[in-house]
Protein backbone atom coordinates (compact mmCIF):
# COMPACT_ATOMS: atom_id res chain seq x y z
CA MET A 1 119.83 229.29 247.37
CA LYS A 2 116.20 228.58 246.51
CA ARG A 3 117.15 227.90 242.89
CA LEU A 4 119.80 225.43 243.98
CA LEU A 5 117.31 223.62 246.23
CA LYS A 6 114.73 223.43 243.41
CA THR A 7 117.32 222.15 240.93
CA MET A 8 118.51 219.45 243.34
CA THR A 9 114.92 218.37 244.07
CA ILE A 10 114.08 218.15 240.36
CA ALA A 11 117.26 216.16 239.69
CA LEU A 12 116.64 213.69 242.55
CA ILE A 13 112.97 212.90 241.76
CA PRO A 14 113.70 210.81 238.60
CA LEU A 15 116.41 208.86 240.45
CA LEU A 16 114.08 208.03 243.33
CA THR A 17 111.31 207.05 240.92
CA VAL A 18 113.58 204.66 239.00
CA ALA A 19 114.80 203.07 242.22
CA ALA A 20 111.23 202.67 243.48
CA CYS A 21 110.06 201.08 240.20
CA LYS A 22 112.88 198.54 240.20
CA HIS A 23 112.03 197.43 243.72
CA GLN A 24 108.31 196.90 242.86
CA VAL A 25 109.14 194.79 239.81
CA LYS A 26 111.10 192.32 241.92
CA GLU A 27 108.16 191.83 244.28
CA GLU A 28 105.77 191.20 241.35
CA GLU A 29 108.10 188.58 239.85
CA VAL A 30 108.23 186.68 243.12
CA SER A 31 104.45 186.68 243.51
CA LEU A 32 103.94 185.46 239.90
CA GLU A 33 106.30 182.55 240.44
CA ASN A 34 104.41 181.45 243.54
CA THR A 35 101.00 181.49 241.84
CA THR A 36 102.12 179.44 238.83
CA GLU A 37 103.45 176.70 241.11
CA VAL A 38 100.14 176.39 242.95
CA LYS A 39 97.95 176.32 239.81
CA LYS A 40 97.58 172.82 238.31
CA ASN A 41 95.72 171.72 235.20
CA THR A 42 93.31 168.92 236.08
CA ASP A 43 90.98 169.22 233.06
CA HIS A 44 90.46 166.21 230.78
CA ILE A 45 91.20 167.51 227.26
CA THR A 46 91.20 165.54 224.01
CA LYS A 47 92.28 166.94 220.65
CA GLU A 48 91.19 165.91 217.17
CA VAL A 49 92.24 167.23 213.77
CA TYR A 50 89.90 166.78 210.78
CA THR A 51 90.69 167.45 207.12
CA ASP A 52 87.98 168.09 204.54
CA ASP A 53 87.97 167.37 200.79
CA PHE A 54 89.56 170.77 200.05
CA GLY A 55 92.53 170.19 202.39
CA ASP A 56 91.34 172.59 205.10
CA GLN A 57 92.08 171.45 208.63
CA LEU A 58 89.80 171.86 211.63
CA GLU A 59 91.44 171.41 215.03
CA VAL A 60 89.06 170.64 217.88
CA ALA A 61 89.95 170.46 221.59
CA PHE A 62 87.29 168.90 223.82
CA ASN A 63 87.39 169.87 227.51
CA GLU A 64 85.22 167.20 229.10
CA THR A 65 85.63 168.66 232.60
CA GLN A 66 84.16 172.06 231.75
CA ASN A 67 81.97 170.86 228.81
CA THR A 68 83.60 173.27 226.39
CA VAL A 69 85.04 172.95 222.89
CA VAL A 70 87.76 175.08 221.31
CA VAL A 71 87.62 175.05 217.51
CA ARG A 72 90.46 176.41 215.33
CA LEU A 73 89.84 177.01 211.64
CA ASN A 74 91.82 179.21 209.24
CA GLY A 75 93.82 180.82 212.05
CA LYS A 76 90.75 181.79 214.09
CA THR A 77 89.75 180.31 217.45
CA TYR A 78 86.16 179.77 218.57
CA ASP A 79 85.18 178.92 222.17
CA LEU A 80 81.94 176.94 222.28
CA LYS A 81 79.82 175.41 225.06
CA LYS A 82 78.56 171.82 224.83
CA SER A 83 74.81 171.57 224.34
CA GLU A 84 72.84 168.89 226.18
CA GLU A 85 69.63 169.65 224.27
CA LEU A 86 70.81 168.70 220.77
CA PRO A 87 71.49 165.13 219.58
CA GLU A 88 74.82 163.31 219.98
CA PHE A 89 77.73 165.75 220.34
CA THR A 90 76.92 169.38 219.62
CA ALA A 91 78.50 172.59 220.92
CA GLY A 92 77.83 176.19 220.06
CA ASP A 93 77.47 179.81 220.98
CA ALA A 94 75.22 182.59 219.66
CA VAL A 95 76.89 182.61 216.23
CA TYR A 96 78.66 179.26 215.58
CA GLN A 97 77.82 175.57 216.00
CA PHE A 98 80.04 172.46 215.97
CA SER A 99 78.50 169.01 215.68
CA ASP A 100 79.75 165.44 215.44
CA VAL A 101 76.62 163.46 214.53
CA ARG A 102 76.70 159.97 213.00
CA GLY A 103 80.29 160.29 211.85
CA GLU A 104 79.85 163.67 210.17
CA VAL A 105 81.77 166.62 211.61
CA THR A 106 80.22 169.98 210.77
CA PHE A 107 81.13 173.54 211.77
CA LEU A 108 78.65 176.18 210.69
CA LYS A 109 77.63 179.80 211.13
CA LYS A 110 74.08 179.77 212.47
CA ASP A 111 72.85 183.21 211.38
CA TYR A 112 73.31 182.53 207.68
CA ASN A 113 73.20 178.71 207.88
CA ILE A 114 76.60 178.56 206.12
CA VAL A 115 78.71 175.42 206.51
CA LEU A 116 82.29 176.54 207.16
CA PHE A 117 83.71 173.01 207.44
CA HIS A 118 82.36 169.50 206.75
CA HIS A 119 84.13 166.15 207.17
CA LYS A 120 82.91 162.56 207.03
CA LYS A 121 84.79 160.19 209.30
CA ASN A 122 86.24 157.09 207.65
CA LYS A 123 83.86 154.19 207.47
CA ALA A 124 84.27 150.75 205.92
CA SER A 125 84.44 151.19 202.17
CA SER A 126 81.80 149.59 199.98
CA SER A 127 84.35 147.23 198.38
CA ASN A 128 84.96 145.54 201.74
CA THR A 129 81.27 145.16 202.52
CA LYS A 130 79.58 141.93 201.50
CA MET A 131 76.06 142.11 200.22
CA ALA A 132 73.65 139.24 199.84
CA SER A 133 72.77 138.35 196.27
CA TYR A 134 69.53 136.70 195.23
């Protein structure tokens, strides 16, 4: 009799566990749906894509609300914080720095002072510029 009771208890435990797990999953799904409806994105984000002379592309997303910059280069993503101390637009962290100064976009690794990406924004070409002749 004791063996039969033990066998029935062992057989029923997995069934009760499966039933309990299924019930909890439903509750979690409902709560996730409610939180996504409440959350709204109010950040002001602008995106730019720059291409250098070698054909590499640097994708930059500026979050003006939080003063952050997300830089994507060669499949890697870098989250940087805008710096108020440096000139014009500069953002960085302990290792990397992004700058857009006087029409030159630069992304570098600070420790070794290595430029990972450099791009000059289009300016008026010299053929369209008139110069005074004497």
